[in-house]
C-alpha cells in the first residue's frame, strides 16, 4: 500500500505538473485511512514496513551529492549563509514561541511548535530537554515539511524571491528534509543550498534554542 500509493501519486504529479499532488502527503493520508478502517495499530504497520526505513539513511546521504558539487560556491558565501540562517533560526523560534504562548498560554505546546523547522531527531531531543510535547513536535515537523514541499517555491515566487540560492536556503531552513527532497526534483543547485540550510539550521537551533526559549518563557511570565 505504502509503495503503490507513493508511486501512483508521484506519476500523477509528474504527468499533471501539479505540485500539490505531493506523494508523501497522500501516502500519509492513505496510511492513516487504512490503519483506521482496518483497526491496525501503528506498531504492526511499522514492523511491516521497517525495510523502507532502512532506505532513509542512504536517501539522506544522496542529498549530499549536489552539496558536494556546489561546495566551492558555498564556501565563498559561507559568512552570508551562516548569518542569514542564524538570524532566520532566531526569528522563527521567537515568533513561533511568542505567538503560541500568547494564544494558548501553554509552555509545552509553545516549545513544541517553536522547534518545527528542524530535522526530527534533533527537534525531539531538544523538545524533551525543554519539557515540551514530542508528539506535537513530530506532527508540526511533518506539517512544516509538507507545507514547504507543496507551497514553498510558489510562496517565495509570489514575493519575487526568484534566486535559486535564496529559494534553496529558505526551503531547507523552514522545511528540513521533506522540503529538500522536493528541491531535488527542481535542480541540483536548489538541492545543494537546501541541504546546507537543513544541516546548519539543525545544528544552530540545537545550540541556541534552549537559551532563547528559556529567556522568552521568563519574559512571558
N, C-alpha and C. Protein backbone atom coordinates (compact mmCIF):
# COMPACT_ATOMS: atom_id res chain seq x y z
N UNK A 1 0.83 -1.20 0.00
CA UNK A 1 0.00 0.00 0.00
C UNK A 1 0.87 1.27 0.00
N UNK A 2 1.87 1.24 0.88
CA UNK A 2 2.73 2.42 1.01
C UNK A 2 3.47 2.72 -0.29
N UNK A 3 4.11 1.71 -0.84
CA UNK A 3 4.90 1.90 -2.07
C UNK A 3 3.99 2.24 -3.25
N UNK A 4 2.88 1.52 -3.37
CA UNK A 4 1.98 1.72 -4.50
C UNK A 4 1.39 3.12 -4.48
N UNK A 5 0.91 3.54 -3.31
CA UNK A 5 0.34 4.89 -3.19
C UNK A 5 1.35 5.95 -3.58
N UNK A 6 2.56 5.82 -3.06
CA UNK A 6 3.60 6.81 -3.34
C UNK A 6 3.90 6.87 -4.84
N UNK A 7 4.08 5.70 -5.47
CA UNK A 7 4.44 5.67 -6.88
C UNK A 7 3.33 6.20 -7.77
N UNK A 8 2.08 5.83 -7.46
CA UNK A 8 0.95 6.29 -8.27
C UNK A 8 0.82 7.81 -8.21
N UNK A 9 0.90 8.35 -6.99
CA UNK A 9 0.76 9.81 -6.83
C UNK A 9 1.95 10.52 -7.47
N UNK A 10 3.15 9.96 -7.35
CA UNK A 10 4.33 10.57 -7.96
C UNK A 10 4.19 10.65 -9.48
N UNK A 11 3.66 9.59 -10.09
CA UNK A 11 3.45 9.59 -11.54
C UNK A 11 2.37 10.60 -11.93
N UNK A 12 1.32 10.70 -11.12
CA UNK A 12 0.27 11.68 -11.39
C UNK A 12 0.81 13.10 -11.27
N UNK A 13 1.64 13.31 -10.27
CA UNK A 13 2.22 14.64 -10.07
C UNK A 13 3.08 15.03 -11.27
N UNK A 14 3.88 14.09 -11.76
CA UNK A 14 4.74 14.36 -12.91
C UNK A 14 3.93 14.60 -14.18
N UNK A 15 2.85 13.83 -14.34
CA UNK A 15 2.04 13.93 -15.55
C UNK A 15 1.22 15.22 -15.58
N UNK A 16 0.68 15.59 -14.42
CA UNK A 16 -0.20 16.76 -14.34
C UNK A 16 0.55 18.04 -13.98
N UNK A 17 1.83 17.89 -13.61
CA UNK A 17 2.63 19.05 -13.18
C UNK A 17 1.94 19.80 -12.05
N UNK A 18 1.33 19.04 -11.13
CA UNK A 18 0.60 19.63 -10.00
C UNK A 18 1.42 19.42 -8.74
N UNK A 19 2.00 20.50 -8.22
CA UNK A 19 2.88 20.38 -7.07
C UNK A 19 2.13 19.96 -5.82
N UNK A 20 0.81 20.26 -5.78
CA UNK A 20 0.02 19.90 -4.60
C UNK A 20 -0.20 18.39 -4.48
N UNK A 21 0.02 17.66 -5.58
CA UNK A 21 -0.07 16.20 -5.54
C UNK A 21 1.23 15.64 -4.96
N UNK A 22 1.47 15.94 -3.71
CA UNK A 22 2.72 15.52 -3.07
C UNK A 22 2.62 14.06 -2.65
N UNK A 23 3.52 13.20 -3.14
CA UNK A 23 3.44 11.77 -2.83
C UNK A 23 3.51 11.46 -1.34
N UNK A 24 4.35 12.20 -0.62
CA UNK A 24 4.48 11.98 0.81
C UNK A 24 3.16 12.27 1.53
N UNK A 25 2.54 13.39 1.19
CA UNK A 25 1.28 13.77 1.83
C UNK A 25 0.20 12.72 1.61
N UNK A 26 0.02 12.30 0.36
CA UNK A 26 -1.05 11.36 0.06
C UNK A 26 -0.75 9.96 0.60
N UNK A 27 0.52 9.61 0.70
CA UNK A 27 0.87 8.32 1.30
C UNK A 27 0.54 8.31 2.79
N UNK A 28 0.83 9.43 3.47
CA UNK A 28 0.50 9.54 4.90
C UNK A 28 -1.01 9.45 5.10
N UNK A 29 -1.76 10.18 4.27
CA UNK A 29 -3.22 10.17 4.39
C UNK A 29 -3.80 8.78 4.12
N UNK A 30 -3.25 8.09 3.13
CA UNK A 30 -3.71 6.75 2.82
C UNK A 30 -3.40 5.78 3.96
N UNK A 31 -2.22 5.91 4.54
CA UNK A 31 -1.84 5.04 5.66
C UNK A 31 -2.76 5.27 6.85
N UNK A 32 -3.04 6.51 7.15
CA UNK A 32 -3.96 6.82 8.26
C UNK A 32 -5.33 6.22 8.00
N UNK A 33 -5.83 6.38 6.78
CA UNK A 33 -7.16 5.88 6.42
C UNK A 33 -7.23 4.35 6.55
N UNK A 34 -6.25 3.66 6.00
CA UNK A 34 -6.25 2.19 6.02
C UNK A 34 -6.08 1.65 7.43
N UNK A 35 -5.15 2.22 8.19
CA UNK A 35 -4.94 1.75 9.56
C UNK A 35 -6.19 1.96 10.42
N UNK A 36 -6.86 3.08 10.19
CA UNK A 36 -8.07 3.37 10.97
C UNK A 36 -9.22 2.45 10.57
N UNK A 37 -9.43 2.27 9.27
CA UNK A 37 -10.55 1.45 8.79
C UNK A 37 -10.42 -0.02 9.21
N UNK A 38 -9.19 -0.54 9.17
CA UNK A 38 -8.99 -1.96 9.45
C UNK A 38 -8.50 -2.23 10.87
N UNK A 39 -8.44 -1.17 11.69
CA UNK A 39 -8.06 -1.34 13.09
C UNK A 39 -6.65 -1.87 13.28
N UNK A 40 -5.74 -1.47 12.41
CA UNK A 40 -4.34 -1.91 12.50
C UNK A 40 -3.56 -0.91 13.35
N UNK A 41 -2.88 -1.38 14.38
CA UNK A 41 -2.13 -0.46 15.23
C UNK A 41 -0.83 -0.06 14.52
N UNK A 42 -0.30 1.10 14.92
CA UNK A 42 0.87 1.65 14.24
C UNK A 42 2.09 0.74 14.35
N UNK A 43 2.26 0.08 15.50
CA UNK A 43 3.42 -0.78 15.70
C UNK A 43 3.45 -1.91 14.68
N UNK A 44 2.26 -2.46 14.37
CA UNK A 44 2.18 -3.53 13.36
C UNK A 44 2.57 -2.99 11.99
N UNK A 45 2.06 -1.80 11.67
CA UNK A 45 2.40 -1.18 10.39
C UNK A 45 3.90 -0.89 10.31
N UNK A 46 4.45 -0.40 11.42
CA UNK A 46 5.88 -0.07 11.45
C UNK A 46 6.74 -1.31 11.21
N UNK A 47 6.40 -2.41 11.88
CA UNK A 47 7.16 -3.64 11.72
C UNK A 47 7.05 -4.18 10.29
N UNK A 48 5.90 -3.98 9.67
CA UNK A 48 5.68 -4.49 8.32
C UNK A 48 6.40 -3.67 7.25
N UNK A 49 6.71 -2.43 7.58
CA UNK A 49 7.35 -1.54 6.60
C UNK A 49 8.75 -1.13 7.03
N UNK A 50 9.33 -1.88 7.98
CA UNK A 50 10.62 -1.47 8.53
C UNK A 50 11.73 -1.47 7.47
N UNK A 51 11.58 -2.29 6.43
CA UNK A 51 12.59 -2.31 5.37
C UNK A 51 12.67 -0.97 4.65
N UNK A 52 11.54 -0.25 4.58
CA UNK A 52 11.54 1.07 3.95
C UNK A 52 12.34 2.07 4.78
N UNK A 53 12.30 1.90 6.10
CA UNK A 53 13.05 2.81 6.97
C UNK A 53 14.55 2.69 6.74
N UNK A 54 15.00 1.48 6.38
CA UNK A 54 16.42 1.28 6.14
C UNK A 54 16.90 2.07 4.92
N UNK A 55 15.97 2.43 4.05
CA UNK A 55 16.34 3.19 2.85
C UNK A 55 16.46 4.69 3.13
N UNK A 56 16.01 5.10 4.31
CA UNK A 56 16.01 6.53 4.63
C UNK A 56 17.43 7.09 4.72
N UNK A 57 18.32 6.34 5.37
CA UNK A 57 19.69 6.83 5.56
C UNK A 57 20.43 7.03 4.23
N UNK A 58 20.44 6.04 3.32
CA UNK A 58 21.10 6.30 2.03
C UNK A 58 20.41 7.40 1.22
N UNK A 59 19.10 7.56 1.41
CA UNK A 59 18.39 8.63 0.69
C UNK A 59 18.85 9.99 1.18
N UNK A 60 19.04 10.13 2.49
CA UNK A 60 19.53 11.39 3.05
C UNK A 60 20.96 11.66 2.60
N UNK A 61 21.79 10.61 2.61
CA UNK A 61 23.18 10.75 2.17
C UNK A 61 23.24 11.19 0.71
N UNK A 62 22.29 10.68 -0.10
CA UNK A 62 22.26 11.03 -1.53
C UNK A 62 22.06 12.52 -1.73
N UNK A 63 21.39 13.17 -0.78
CA UNK A 63 21.18 14.62 -0.89
C UNK A 63 22.50 15.39 -0.75
N UNK A 64 23.52 14.71 -0.23
CA UNK A 64 24.81 15.36 -0.07
C UNK A 64 25.59 15.49 -1.37
N UNK A 65 25.21 14.73 -2.39
CA UNK A 65 25.95 14.79 -3.66
C UNK A 65 25.85 16.16 -4.33
N UNK A 66 24.63 16.74 -4.47
CA UNK A 66 24.55 18.10 -5.02
C UNK A 66 25.31 19.12 -4.17
N UNK A 67 25.31 18.90 -2.85
CA UNK A 67 26.05 19.80 -1.97
C UNK A 67 27.54 19.74 -2.29
N UNK A 68 28.05 18.55 -2.52
CA UNK A 68 29.46 18.37 -2.89
C UNK A 68 29.76 19.07 -4.22
N UNK A 69 28.82 18.99 -5.17
CA UNK A 69 29.03 19.61 -6.48
C UNK A 69 29.16 21.14 -6.39
N UNK A 70 28.45 21.75 -5.44
CA UNK A 70 28.44 23.21 -5.32
C UNK A 70 29.20 23.70 -4.10
N UNK A 71 30.07 22.85 -3.58
CA UNK A 71 30.77 23.19 -2.35
C UNK A 71 31.68 24.41 -2.50
N UNK A 72 32.33 24.54 -3.64
CA UNK A 72 33.23 25.69 -3.84
C UNK A 72 32.46 27.01 -3.79
N UNK A 73 31.31 27.06 -4.45
CA UNK A 73 30.50 28.28 -4.44
C UNK A 73 29.98 28.58 -3.04
N UNK A 74 29.58 27.54 -2.31
CA UNK A 74 29.06 27.73 -0.95
C UNK A 74 30.16 28.23 -0.02
N UNK A 75 31.39 27.72 -0.19
CA UNK A 75 32.50 28.16 0.65
C UNK A 75 32.74 29.66 0.51
N UNK A 76 32.59 30.17 -0.70
CA UNK A 76 32.82 31.60 -0.93
C UNK A 76 31.75 32.47 -0.28
N UNK A 77 30.60 31.89 0.02
CA UNK A 77 29.48 32.66 0.57
C UNK A 77 29.15 32.24 2.01
N UNK A 78 30.05 31.51 2.66
CA UNK A 78 29.69 30.87 3.93
C UNK A 78 29.32 31.89 5.01
N UNK A 79 29.94 33.07 5.00
CA UNK A 79 29.63 34.07 6.03
C UNK A 79 28.19 34.57 5.87
N UNK A 80 27.81 34.90 4.65
CA UNK A 80 26.45 35.38 4.39
C UNK A 80 25.43 34.29 4.72
N UNK A 81 25.75 33.07 4.31
CA UNK A 81 24.84 31.94 4.56
C UNK A 81 24.68 31.71 6.06
N UNK A 82 25.79 31.72 6.79
CA UNK A 82 25.75 31.47 8.23
C UNK A 82 24.95 32.54 8.97
N UNK A 83 25.20 33.80 8.62
CA UNK A 83 24.48 34.90 9.29
C UNK A 83 23.00 34.84 8.96
N UNK A 84 22.68 34.62 7.69
CA UNK A 84 21.27 34.57 7.27
C UNK A 84 20.52 33.45 7.98
N UNK A 85 21.11 32.27 8.03
CA UNK A 85 20.44 31.13 8.65
C UNK A 85 20.35 31.27 10.17
N UNK A 86 21.37 31.89 10.78
CA UNK A 86 21.32 32.11 12.22
C UNK A 86 20.21 33.09 12.58
N UNK A 87 20.13 34.19 11.86
CA UNK A 87 19.07 35.18 12.10
C UNK A 87 17.70 34.55 11.84
N UNK A 88 17.61 33.77 10.75
CA UNK A 88 16.35 33.10 10.42
C UNK A 88 15.90 32.15 11.52
N UNK A 89 16.85 31.40 12.09
CA UNK A 89 16.52 30.46 13.17
C UNK A 89 16.03 31.21 14.41
N UNK A 90 16.71 32.30 14.75
CA UNK A 90 16.31 33.09 15.92
C UNK A 90 14.91 33.66 15.75
N UNK A 91 14.65 34.22 14.56
CA UNK A 91 13.34 34.81 14.29
C UNK A 91 12.24 33.75 14.30
N UNK A 92 12.51 32.60 13.66
CA UNK A 92 11.50 31.54 13.58
C UNK A 92 11.14 31.00 14.95
N UNK A 93 12.16 30.73 15.76
CA UNK A 93 11.93 30.21 17.12
C UNK A 93 11.16 31.23 17.95
N UNK A 94 11.59 32.48 17.89
CA UNK A 94 10.99 33.52 18.73
C UNK A 94 9.53 33.78 18.36
N UNK A 95 9.26 33.94 17.06
CA UNK A 95 7.90 34.23 16.63
C UNK A 95 6.97 33.06 16.96
N UNK A 96 7.42 31.84 16.67
CA UNK A 96 6.58 30.66 16.94
C UNK A 96 6.26 30.54 18.42
N UNK A 97 7.28 30.71 19.26
CA UNK A 97 7.08 30.57 20.70
C UNK A 97 6.16 31.66 21.24
N UNK A 98 6.46 32.91 20.90
CA UNK A 98 5.68 34.04 21.43
C UNK A 98 4.23 34.01 20.95
N UNK A 99 4.03 33.68 19.68
CA UNK A 99 2.67 33.62 19.14
C UNK A 99 1.86 32.51 19.82
N UNK A 100 2.49 31.34 19.97
CA UNK A 100 1.78 30.21 20.57
C UNK A 100 1.50 30.44 22.05
N UNK A 101 2.46 30.97 22.79
CA UNK A 101 2.26 31.20 24.22
C UNK A 101 1.20 32.25 24.46
N UNK A 102 1.11 33.24 23.54
CA UNK A 102 0.09 34.28 23.69
C UNK A 102 -1.32 33.75 23.40
N UNK A 103 -1.42 32.76 22.51
CA UNK A 103 -2.72 32.21 22.14
C UNK A 103 -3.17 31.07 23.05
N UNK A 104 -2.22 30.27 23.53
CA UNK A 104 -2.59 29.08 24.30
C UNK A 104 -2.21 29.15 25.78
N UNK A 105 -1.23 29.99 26.10
CA UNK A 105 -0.70 30.07 27.46
C UNK A 105 -0.24 28.70 27.93
N UNK A 106 0.28 27.89 26.98
CA UNK A 106 0.74 26.53 27.30
C UNK A 106 2.20 26.42 26.91
N UNK A 107 3.06 26.26 27.90
CA UNK A 107 4.51 26.24 27.65
C UNK A 107 4.92 25.05 26.79
N UNK A 108 4.38 23.87 27.08
CA UNK A 108 4.78 22.65 26.36
C UNK A 108 4.45 22.75 24.87
N UNK A 109 3.26 23.23 24.55
CA UNK A 109 2.86 23.38 23.15
C UNK A 109 3.73 24.43 22.46
N UNK A 110 4.01 25.52 23.17
CA UNK A 110 4.82 26.60 22.60
C UNK A 110 6.22 26.12 22.26
N UNK A 111 6.82 25.34 23.15
CA UNK A 111 8.14 24.77 22.89
C UNK A 111 8.09 23.86 21.67
N UNK A 112 7.08 23.00 21.63
CA UNK A 112 6.96 22.02 20.55
C UNK A 112 6.84 22.68 19.18
N UNK A 113 6.03 23.72 19.09
CA UNK A 113 5.82 24.39 17.80
C UNK A 113 7.03 25.26 17.41
N UNK A 114 7.77 25.73 18.41
CA UNK A 114 8.94 26.56 18.13
C UNK A 114 10.05 25.77 17.45
N UNK A 115 10.00 24.43 17.58
CA UNK A 115 11.07 23.58 17.04
C UNK A 115 10.64 22.81 15.80
N UNK A 116 9.64 23.31 15.11
CA UNK A 116 9.03 22.58 13.99
C UNK A 116 9.87 22.57 12.72
N UNK A 117 10.86 23.44 12.62
CA UNK A 117 11.54 23.60 11.33
C UNK A 117 12.92 22.95 11.26
N UNK A 118 13.19 22.00 12.17
CA UNK A 118 14.48 21.29 12.09
C UNK A 118 14.23 19.79 11.99
N UNK A 119 15.26 19.07 11.65
CA UNK A 119 15.12 17.65 11.42
C UNK A 119 14.65 16.92 12.68
N UNK A 120 13.88 15.87 12.50
CA UNK A 120 13.14 15.22 13.60
C UNK A 120 14.00 14.78 14.79
N UNK A 121 15.09 14.03 14.61
CA UNK A 121 15.84 13.56 15.78
C UNK A 121 16.31 14.69 16.70
N UNK A 122 16.82 15.78 16.11
CA UNK A 122 17.30 16.91 16.92
C UNK A 122 16.12 17.62 17.57
N UNK A 123 15.05 17.82 16.83
CA UNK A 123 13.88 18.52 17.37
C UNK A 123 13.29 17.76 18.56
N UNK A 124 13.20 16.45 18.45
CA UNK A 124 12.63 15.65 19.54
C UNK A 124 13.55 15.67 20.76
N UNK A 125 14.86 15.65 20.53
CA UNK A 125 15.80 15.68 21.65
C UNK A 125 15.71 17.00 22.40
N UNK A 126 15.66 18.11 21.67
CA UNK A 126 15.58 19.43 22.30
C UNK A 126 14.22 19.60 22.98
N UNK A 127 13.16 19.08 22.34
CA UNK A 127 11.82 19.15 22.94
C UNK A 127 11.80 18.46 24.29
N UNK A 128 12.40 17.28 24.35
CA UNK A 128 12.45 16.54 25.62
C UNK A 128 13.25 17.31 26.67
N UNK A 129 14.35 17.90 26.25
CA UNK A 129 15.20 18.66 27.16
C UNK A 129 14.44 19.84 27.76
N UNK A 130 13.56 20.46 26.97
CA UNK A 130 12.84 21.66 27.41
C UNK A 130 11.44 21.35 27.92
N UNK A 131 11.15 20.06 28.14
CA UNK A 131 9.85 19.63 28.69
C UNK A 131 8.68 19.97 27.76
N UNK A 132 8.92 19.85 26.46
CA UNK A 132 7.83 20.05 25.50
C UNK A 132 7.10 18.74 25.25
N UNK A 133 6.23 18.75 24.25
CA UNK A 133 5.45 17.56 23.89
C UNK A 133 5.99 17.01 22.58
N UNK A 134 6.63 15.84 22.64
CA UNK A 134 7.28 15.29 21.45
C UNK A 134 6.29 14.91 20.36
N UNK A 135 5.10 14.49 20.73
CA UNK A 135 4.09 14.13 19.73
C UNK A 135 3.69 15.35 18.91
N UNK A 136 3.51 16.48 19.60
CA UNK A 136 3.15 17.72 18.90
C UNK A 136 4.31 18.18 18.02
N UNK A 137 5.53 18.05 18.53
CA UNK A 137 6.70 18.43 17.73
C UNK A 137 6.78 17.61 16.45
N UNK A 138 6.60 16.29 16.57
CA UNK A 138 6.66 15.41 15.40
C UNK A 138 5.59 15.79 14.38
N UNK A 139 4.38 16.05 14.86
CA UNK A 139 3.28 16.43 13.96
C UNK A 139 3.59 17.77 13.27
N UNK A 140 4.09 18.73 14.05
CA UNK A 140 4.40 20.06 13.49
C UNK A 140 5.51 19.97 12.46
N UNK A 141 6.49 19.08 12.69
CA UNK A 141 7.58 18.90 11.74
C UNK A 141 7.05 18.39 10.40
N UNK A 142 6.13 17.44 10.45
CA UNK A 142 5.53 16.91 9.22
C UNK A 142 4.78 18.01 8.47
N UNK A 143 3.99 18.80 9.20
CA UNK A 143 3.23 19.89 8.58
C UNK A 143 4.16 20.92 7.95
N UNK A 144 5.22 21.30 8.69
CA UNK A 144 6.18 22.28 8.17
C UNK A 144 6.87 21.75 6.91
N UNK A 145 7.23 20.47 6.94
CA UNK A 145 7.90 19.88 5.79
C UNK A 145 6.99 19.81 4.57
N UNK A 146 5.78 19.36 4.78
CA UNK A 146 4.84 19.24 3.66
C UNK A 146 4.44 20.61 3.12
N UNK A 147 4.26 21.57 4.00
CA UNK A 147 3.89 22.93 3.55
C UNK A 147 4.97 23.51 2.66
N UNK A 148 6.22 23.37 3.09
CA UNK A 148 7.32 23.87 2.27
C UNK A 148 7.46 23.12 0.96
N UNK A 149 7.25 21.80 1.02
CA UNK A 149 7.37 20.98 -0.19
C UNK A 149 6.29 21.32 -1.21
N UNK A 150 5.09 21.60 -0.73
CA UNK A 150 3.96 21.84 -1.64
C UNK A 150 3.87 23.30 -2.07
N UNK A 151 4.05 24.22 -1.13
CA UNK A 151 3.79 25.64 -1.39
C UNK A 151 5.03 26.53 -1.40
N UNK A 152 6.17 25.98 -0.96
CA UNK A 152 7.34 26.81 -0.73
C UNK A 152 7.78 27.67 -1.91
N UNK A 153 8.01 27.05 -3.05
CA UNK A 153 8.50 27.78 -4.22
C UNK A 153 7.48 28.80 -4.70
N UNK A 154 6.22 28.42 -4.76
CA UNK A 154 5.18 29.36 -5.20
C UNK A 154 5.07 30.54 -4.25
N UNK A 155 5.18 30.28 -2.96
CA UNK A 155 5.10 31.35 -1.97
C UNK A 155 6.27 32.32 -2.11
N UNK A 156 7.47 31.80 -2.31
CA UNK A 156 8.64 32.65 -2.49
C UNK A 156 8.54 33.45 -3.80
N UNK A 157 8.07 32.79 -4.85
CA UNK A 157 7.92 33.48 -6.14
C UNK A 157 6.90 34.60 -6.06
N UNK A 158 5.88 34.41 -5.22
CA UNK A 158 4.85 35.44 -5.03
C UNK A 158 5.47 36.74 -4.53
N UNK A 159 6.52 36.60 -3.72
CA UNK A 159 7.21 37.77 -3.17
C UNK A 159 8.46 38.13 -3.98
N UNK A 160 8.49 37.64 -5.22
CA UNK A 160 9.57 37.95 -6.16
C UNK A 160 10.95 37.46 -5.68
N UNK A 161 10.96 36.39 -4.91
CA UNK A 161 12.22 35.79 -4.49
C UNK A 161 12.51 34.66 -5.46
N UNK A 162 13.22 34.98 -6.53
CA UNK A 162 13.45 34.04 -7.61
C UNK A 162 14.87 33.48 -7.65
N UNK A 163 15.72 33.94 -6.76
CA UNK A 163 17.09 33.44 -6.71
C UNK A 163 17.09 31.97 -6.29
N UNK A 164 17.78 31.15 -7.05
CA UNK A 164 17.86 29.72 -6.73
C UNK A 164 18.48 29.51 -5.36
N UNK A 165 19.52 30.28 -5.06
CA UNK A 165 20.20 30.12 -3.77
C UNK A 165 19.28 30.51 -2.62
N UNK A 166 18.58 31.63 -2.77
CA UNK A 166 17.67 32.08 -1.72
C UNK A 166 16.53 31.09 -1.52
N UNK A 167 15.99 30.58 -2.61
CA UNK A 167 14.91 29.60 -2.51
C UNK A 167 15.38 28.33 -1.81
N UNK A 168 16.55 27.85 -2.19
CA UNK A 168 17.09 26.64 -1.57
C UNK A 168 17.33 26.82 -0.08
N UNK A 169 17.94 27.93 0.30
CA UNK A 169 18.21 28.19 1.72
C UNK A 169 16.92 28.32 2.52
N UNK A 170 15.94 29.01 1.95
CA UNK A 170 14.67 29.21 2.65
C UNK A 170 13.93 27.90 2.89
N UNK A 171 13.84 27.08 1.86
CA UNK A 171 13.11 25.81 1.98
C UNK A 171 13.85 24.85 2.91
N UNK A 172 15.16 24.79 2.80
CA UNK A 172 15.93 23.91 3.67
C UNK A 172 15.84 24.31 5.13
N UNK A 173 15.83 25.62 5.38
CA UNK A 173 15.77 26.12 6.76
C UNK A 173 14.39 25.92 7.37
N UNK A 174 13.35 26.08 6.57
CA UNK A 174 11.98 26.03 7.11
C UNK A 174 11.35 24.65 7.03
N UNK A 175 11.74 23.85 6.04
CA UNK A 175 11.03 22.59 5.78
C UNK A 175 11.92 21.37 5.75
N UNK A 176 13.14 21.50 6.28
CA UNK A 176 14.06 20.39 6.52
C UNK A 176 14.11 19.35 5.39
N UNK A 177 14.10 18.05 5.72
CA UNK A 177 14.35 17.01 4.72
C UNK A 177 13.25 16.89 3.68
N UNK A 178 11.99 17.06 4.09
CA UNK A 178 10.89 16.96 3.12
C UNK A 178 10.99 18.05 2.07
N UNK A 179 11.27 19.27 2.51
CA UNK A 179 11.43 20.37 1.57
C UNK A 179 12.63 20.17 0.67
N UNK A 180 13.73 19.68 1.25
CA UNK A 180 14.95 19.44 0.48
C UNK A 180 14.74 18.35 -0.57
N UNK A 181 13.98 17.32 -0.22
CA UNK A 181 13.68 16.27 -1.19
C UNK A 181 12.92 16.82 -2.39
N UNK A 182 12.03 17.77 -2.13
CA UNK A 182 11.29 18.42 -3.23
C UNK A 182 12.23 19.26 -4.08
N UNK A 183 13.19 19.94 -3.44
CA UNK A 183 14.17 20.74 -4.18
C UNK A 183 14.98 19.87 -5.13
N UNK A 184 15.19 18.61 -4.75
CA UNK A 184 15.98 17.71 -5.59
C UNK A 184 15.29 17.42 -6.91
N UNK A 185 13.98 17.66 -6.97
CA UNK A 185 13.24 17.45 -8.21
C UNK A 185 13.31 18.67 -9.14
N UNK A 186 13.84 19.77 -8.61
CA UNK A 186 13.90 21.01 -9.39
C UNK A 186 15.28 21.19 -10.02
N UNK A 187 16.32 21.20 -9.18
CA UNK A 187 17.68 21.33 -9.72
C UNK A 187 18.70 20.96 -8.65
N UNK A 188 19.91 20.63 -9.10
CA UNK A 188 20.99 20.30 -8.16
C UNK A 188 21.38 21.51 -7.32
N UNK A 189 21.31 22.70 -7.91
CA UNK A 189 21.70 23.90 -7.17
C UNK A 189 20.70 24.18 -6.05
N UNK A 190 19.40 24.03 -6.34
CA UNK A 190 18.39 24.15 -5.29
C UNK A 190 18.69 23.18 -4.15
N UNK A 191 18.99 21.94 -4.53
CA UNK A 191 19.23 20.89 -3.54
C UNK A 191 20.46 21.18 -2.70
N UNK A 192 21.52 21.69 -3.31
CA UNK A 192 22.76 21.98 -2.59
C UNK A 192 22.53 23.02 -1.50
N UNK A 193 21.86 24.12 -1.85
CA UNK A 193 21.64 25.18 -0.87
C UNK A 193 20.59 24.78 0.16
N UNK A 194 19.64 23.99 -0.25
CA UNK A 194 18.65 23.49 0.71
C UNK A 194 19.30 22.53 1.70
N UNK A 195 20.23 21.71 1.22
CA UNK A 195 20.93 20.76 2.08
C UNK A 195 21.78 21.46 3.12
N UNK A 196 22.52 22.48 2.70
CA UNK A 196 23.37 23.19 3.66
C UNK A 196 22.51 23.91 4.69
N UNK A 197 21.36 24.42 4.26
CA UNK A 197 20.44 25.09 5.19
C UNK A 197 19.86 24.09 6.19
N UNK A 198 19.50 22.91 5.68
CA UNK A 198 18.98 21.84 6.54
C UNK A 198 19.99 21.48 7.63
N UNK A 199 21.24 21.30 7.24
CA UNK A 199 22.28 20.89 8.19
C UNK A 199 22.60 22.00 9.19
N UNK A 200 22.85 23.20 8.66
CA UNK A 200 23.25 24.31 9.54
C UNK A 200 22.13 24.70 10.49
N UNK A 201 20.91 24.76 9.98
CA UNK A 201 19.78 25.17 10.81
C UNK A 201 19.55 24.19 11.96
N UNK A 202 19.73 22.91 11.68
CA UNK A 202 19.57 21.90 12.74
C UNK A 202 20.62 22.09 13.83
N UNK A 203 21.86 22.33 13.42
CA UNK A 203 22.95 22.49 14.39
C UNK A 203 22.77 23.76 15.21
N UNK A 204 22.53 24.89 14.52
CA UNK A 204 22.44 26.16 15.24
C UNK A 204 21.20 26.21 16.13
N UNK A 205 20.11 25.60 15.69
CA UNK A 205 18.90 25.58 16.52
C UNK A 205 19.12 24.76 17.78
N UNK A 206 19.80 23.63 17.65
CA UNK A 206 20.09 22.80 18.82
C UNK A 206 20.93 23.57 19.85
N UNK A 207 21.77 24.48 19.35
CA UNK A 207 22.65 25.24 20.25
C UNK A 207 21.92 26.41 20.90
N UNK A 208 21.15 27.17 20.09
CA UNK A 208 20.58 28.42 20.60
C UNK A 208 19.16 28.29 21.13
N UNK A 209 18.42 27.27 20.69
CA UNK A 209 17.00 27.18 21.06
C UNK A 209 16.77 27.13 22.57
N UNK A 210 17.52 26.31 23.34
CA UNK A 210 17.26 26.28 24.79
C UNK A 210 17.38 27.65 25.45
N UNK A 211 18.42 28.39 25.11
CA UNK A 211 18.61 29.71 25.70
C UNK A 211 17.53 30.69 25.32
N UNK A 212 17.18 30.70 24.01
CA UNK A 212 16.15 31.63 23.53
C UNK A 212 14.80 31.32 24.17
N UNK A 213 14.42 30.05 24.19
CA UNK A 213 13.11 29.66 24.72
C UNK A 213 13.02 29.94 26.22
N UNK A 214 14.08 29.64 26.96
CA UNK A 214 14.06 29.90 28.39
C UNK A 214 13.96 31.41 28.67
N UNK A 215 14.64 32.22 27.86
CA UNK A 215 14.58 33.68 28.02
C UNK A 215 13.17 34.19 27.71
N UNK A 216 12.60 33.72 26.59
CA UNK A 216 11.25 34.16 26.21
C UNK A 216 10.21 33.70 27.21
N UNK A 217 10.38 32.49 27.72
CA UNK A 217 9.44 31.98 28.73
C UNK A 217 9.49 32.84 29.98
N UNK A 218 10.70 33.26 30.38
CA UNK A 218 10.85 34.11 31.55
C UNK A 218 10.21 35.48 31.34
N UNK A 219 10.42 36.04 30.13
CA UNK A 219 9.85 37.36 29.83
C UNK A 219 8.34 37.32 29.68
N UNK A 220 7.80 36.12 29.37
CA UNK A 220 6.36 35.97 29.16
C UNK A 220 5.58 35.79 30.45
N UNK A 221 6.30 35.55 31.55
CA UNK A 221 5.62 35.32 32.83
C UNK A 221 4.91 36.59 33.30
